[in-house]
């Protein structure tokens, strides 16, 4: 990553930003995710910033953003969450998909978010991580979703056990000390 120059400053300020859907509902389809990434790039440019990388999963979005020093990152996050939600709800097709999980006048995003500054070497690692693991995360989610989940029916007890074992293994693989 190269330093960015403005008339009175030279800077390299990058942020890794993550926000999740309300109740972590899986409302972000591939098409909605692509729309969000493109619109996020546009919004970052409006703040004189640059979207370096973006990846969506069904219930969250990762953004790697470069911003000039005069821009407050919280202002960008507020704008991204507000405008992405607004534009998704204005699109009748996208809104119908979201309404399958979030009924009524429920916000698209959880009120919380994650943000961390990244140095140039850390930023490259974050970008590589996002680029390298996007397909893996989607495949893991589909693997989980393929397990029948009718937990109230006794004939599905083996499926629920398999699901619990899959989740425990995924948590340990992700770094948890212990999962039962």
Protein backbone atom coordinates (compact mmCIF):
# COMPACT_ATOMS: atom_id res chain seq x y z
CA UNK A 1 0.00 0.00 0.00
CA UNK A 2 1.31 3.41 -0.91
CA UNK A 3 1.08 6.64 1.03
CA UNK A 4 -1.75 8.88 -0.11
CA UNK A 5 -1.15 12.57 -0.71
CA UNK A 6 -3.36 15.58 -0.32
CA UNK A 7 -2.50 19.26 -0.54
CA UNK A 8 -1.46 19.50 3.12
CA UNK A 9 -0.92 15.91 4.22
CA UNK A 10 0.68 12.59 3.40
CA UNK A 11 -0.98 9.65 5.11
CA UNK A 12 -1.61 5.94 5.26
CA UNK A 13 -4.64 5.40 7.50
CA UNK A 14 -6.48 2.14 6.98
CA UNK A 15 -9.32 0.58 8.92
CA UNK A 16 -10.79 -2.91 9.07
CA UNK A 17 -14.53 -2.47 9.63
CA UNK A 18 -17.10 -5.20 10.28
CA UNK A 19 -20.81 -4.87 10.91
CA UNK A 20 -23.45 -7.54 11.25
CA UNK A 21 -27.10 -7.83 10.34
CA UNK A 22 -29.76 -7.41 13.02
CA UNK A 23 -30.01 -10.64 15.04
CA UNK A 24 -27.28 -12.03 12.72
CA UNK A 25 -30.00 -13.04 10.26
CA UNK A 26 -28.65 -14.46 6.96
CA UNK A 27 -30.11 -11.75 4.70
CA UNK A 28 -27.07 -10.93 2.53
CA UNK A 29 -27.30 -12.98 -0.65
CA UNK A 30 -24.53 -12.97 -3.24
CA UNK A 31 -26.40 -10.37 -5.30
CA UNK A 32 -27.08 -8.13 -2.29
CA UNK A 33 -23.46 -8.55 -1.19
CA UNK A 34 -22.15 -7.45 -4.60
CA UNK A 35 -24.48 -4.44 -4.51
CA UNK A 36 -23.29 -3.54 -0.99
CA UNK A 37 -19.61 -3.76 -1.97
CA UNK A 38 -20.11 -1.51 -5.00
CA UNK A 39 -22.18 1.01 -3.05
CA UNK A 40 -19.68 0.98 -0.15
CA UNK A 41 -16.90 1.84 -2.63
CA UNK A 42 -18.96 4.77 -3.90
CA UNK A 43 -19.68 6.00 -0.35
CA UNK A 44 -16.01 5.75 0.64
CA UNK A 45 -15.12 7.94 -2.36
CA UNK A 46 -17.64 10.53 -1.15
CA UNK A 47 -15.53 10.74 2.04
CA UNK A 48 -12.36 11.13 -0.09
CA UNK A 49 -11.47 7.59 0.97
CA UNK A 50 -10.96 4.33 -0.85
CA UNK A 51 -12.47 0.88 -0.37
CA UNK A 52 -9.46 -1.42 -0.65
CA UNK A 53 -11.23 -4.75 -0.14
CA UNK A 54 -14.69 -5.97 0.82
CA UNK A 55 -16.28 -9.31 1.52
CA UNK A 56 -19.75 -10.25 2.64
CA UNK A 57 -21.14 -13.31 4.31
CA UNK A 58 -24.82 -13.98 4.84
CA UNK A 59 -24.88 -12.05 8.12
CA UNK A 60 -21.99 -9.56 8.01
CA UNK A 61 -19.71 -7.42 5.87
CA UNK A 62 -15.94 -6.87 6.12
CA UNK A 63 -14.51 -3.65 4.70
CA UNK A 64 -10.89 -2.57 4.42
CA UNK A 65 -10.92 1.21 3.99
CA UNK A 66 -8.35 3.97 3.58
CA UNK A 67 -9.45 7.39 4.85
CA UNK A 68 -7.81 10.83 4.98
CA UNK A 69 -6.90 12.13 8.45
CA UNK A 70 -9.71 14.69 8.62
CA UNK A 71 -12.43 12.02 8.28
CA UNK A 72 -13.84 10.54 11.47
CA UNK A 73 -14.14 6.74 10.94
CA UNK A 74 -17.35 6.64 13.02
CA UNK A 75 -18.95 9.09 10.57
CA UNK A 76 -18.10 6.78 7.67
CA UNK A 77 -19.49 3.74 9.53
CA UNK A 78 -22.73 5.58 10.34
CA UNK A 79 -23.10 6.64 6.70
CA UNK A 80 -22.29 3.17 5.36
CA UNK A 81 -24.78 1.45 7.65
CA UNK A 82 -27.51 4.01 6.99
CA UNK A 83 -27.10 4.25 3.23
CA UNK A 84 -26.55 0.54 2.57
CA UNK A 85 -29.68 -0.25 4.58
CA UNK A 86 -31.68 2.48 2.83
CA UNK A 87 -30.62 1.40 -0.67
CA UNK A 88 -31.29 -2.29 0.03
CA UNK A 89 -34.77 -1.49 1.34
CA UNK A 90 -35.52 0.75 -1.67
CA UNK A 91 -34.80 -2.13 -4.06
CA UNK A 92 -38.01 -4.19 -4.09
CA UNK A 93 -36.23 -7.48 -4.88
CA UNK A 94 -33.57 -7.02 -2.18
CA UNK A 95 -36.14 -5.78 0.33
CA UNK A 96 -38.32 -8.87 -0.25
CA UNK A 97 -35.32 -11.11 0.48
CA UNK A 98 -34.51 -9.18 3.66
CA UNK A 99 -38.16 -9.24 4.80
CA UNK A 100 -38.07 -13.06 4.79
CA UNK A 101 -35.89 -12.82 7.92
CA UNK A 102 -36.40 -9.30 9.30
CA UNK A 103 -40.14 -8.63 9.42
CA UNK A 104 -41.66 -5.17 9.69
CA UNK A 105 -39.73 -2.01 10.42
CA UNK A 106 -36.59 -3.72 11.78
CA UNK A 107 -33.22 -2.14 10.93
CA UNK A 108 -30.95 -4.10 8.59
CA UNK A 109 -27.88 -3.73 10.82
CA UNK A 110 -27.14 -4.40 14.45
CA UNK A 111 -26.32 -1.12 16.25
CA UNK A 112 -22.78 -2.32 17.05
CA UNK A 113 -19.72 -2.56 14.81
CA UNK A 114 -16.05 -3.55 14.89
CA UNK A 115 -13.27 -1.26 13.73
CA UNK A 116 -9.49 -1.60 13.99
CA UNK A 117 -6.66 0.39 12.53
CA UNK A 118 -4.21 -1.54 10.40
CA UNK A 119 -0.56 -0.89 9.68
CA UNK A 120 0.74 -1.50 6.20
CA UNK A 121 1.91 -5.07 6.89
CA UNK A 122 -1.16 -5.91 8.99
CA UNK A 123 -3.40 -4.40 6.32
CA UNK A 124 -1.94 -6.69 3.67
CA UNK A 125 -2.59 -9.67 5.93
CA UNK A 126 -6.21 -8.58 6.53
CA UNK A 127 -6.76 -8.09 2.79
CA UNK A 128 -5.22 -11.50 2.03
CA UNK A 129 -7.34 -13.10 4.77
CA UNK A 130 -10.55 -11.60 3.37
CA UNK A 131 -9.65 -12.55 -0.21
CA UNK A 132 -8.36 -16.02 0.68
CA UNK A 133 -11.16 -17.14 2.99
CA UNK A 134 -14.34 -15.77 1.45
CA UNK A 135 -15.16 -18.95 -0.49
CA UNK A 136 -14.19 -21.14 2.48
CA UNK A 137 -16.56 -19.29 4.82
CA UNK A 138 -19.41 -19.63 2.35
CA UNK A 139 -18.74 -23.36 1.91
CA UNK A 140 -18.61 -23.87 5.70
CA UNK A 141 -21.93 -22.09 6.07
CA UNK A 142 -23.52 -24.23 3.34
CA UNK A 143 -22.09 -27.35 5.00
CA UNK A 144 -23.86 -26.36 8.21
CA UNK A 145 -27.09 -25.45 6.40
CA UNK A 146 -27.20 -28.86 4.67
CA UNK A 147 -27.73 -30.55 8.04
CA UNK A 148 -31.47 -30.96 8.67
CA UNK A 149 -32.39 -28.88 11.71
CA UNK A 150 -35.84 -29.96 12.82
CA UNK A 151 -34.75 -30.20 16.45
CA UNK A 152 -38.21 -30.80 17.91
CA UNK A 153 -38.65 -34.11 16.06
CA UNK A 154 -36.98 -37.12 17.70
CA UNK A 155 -36.10 -38.69 14.36
CA UNK A 156 -33.74 -35.74 13.80
CA UNK A 157 -31.77 -36.28 17.01
CA UNK A 158 -28.77 -37.74 15.06
CA UNK A 159 -28.84 -34.69 12.75
CA UNK A 160 -28.85 -32.32 15.71
CA UNK A 161 -25.96 -34.24 17.29
CA UNK A 162 -24.05 -34.03 13.99
CA UNK A 163 -24.76 -30.29 13.84
CA UNK A 164 -23.52 -29.77 17.42
CA UNK A 165 -20.36 -31.78 16.70
CA UNK A 166 -19.74 -29.76 13.53
CA UNK A 167 -20.10 -26.49 15.44
CA UNK A 168 -17.83 -27.68 18.27
CA UNK A 169 -15.14 -28.71 15.76
CA UNK A 170 -15.45 -25.37 13.93
CA UNK A 171 -15.08 -23.44 17.20
CA UNK A 172 -11.95 -25.40 18.19
CA UNK A 173 -10.54 -24.94 14.69
CA UNK A 174 -11.20 -21.19 14.98
CA UNK A 175 -9.18 -21.03 18.20
CA UNK A 176 -11.58 -21.84 21.05
CA UNK A 177 -9.87 -23.63 23.93
CA UNK A 178 -12.78 -25.98 24.45
CA UNK A 179 -16.21 -26.63 22.91
CA UNK A 180 -18.88 -29.12 23.99
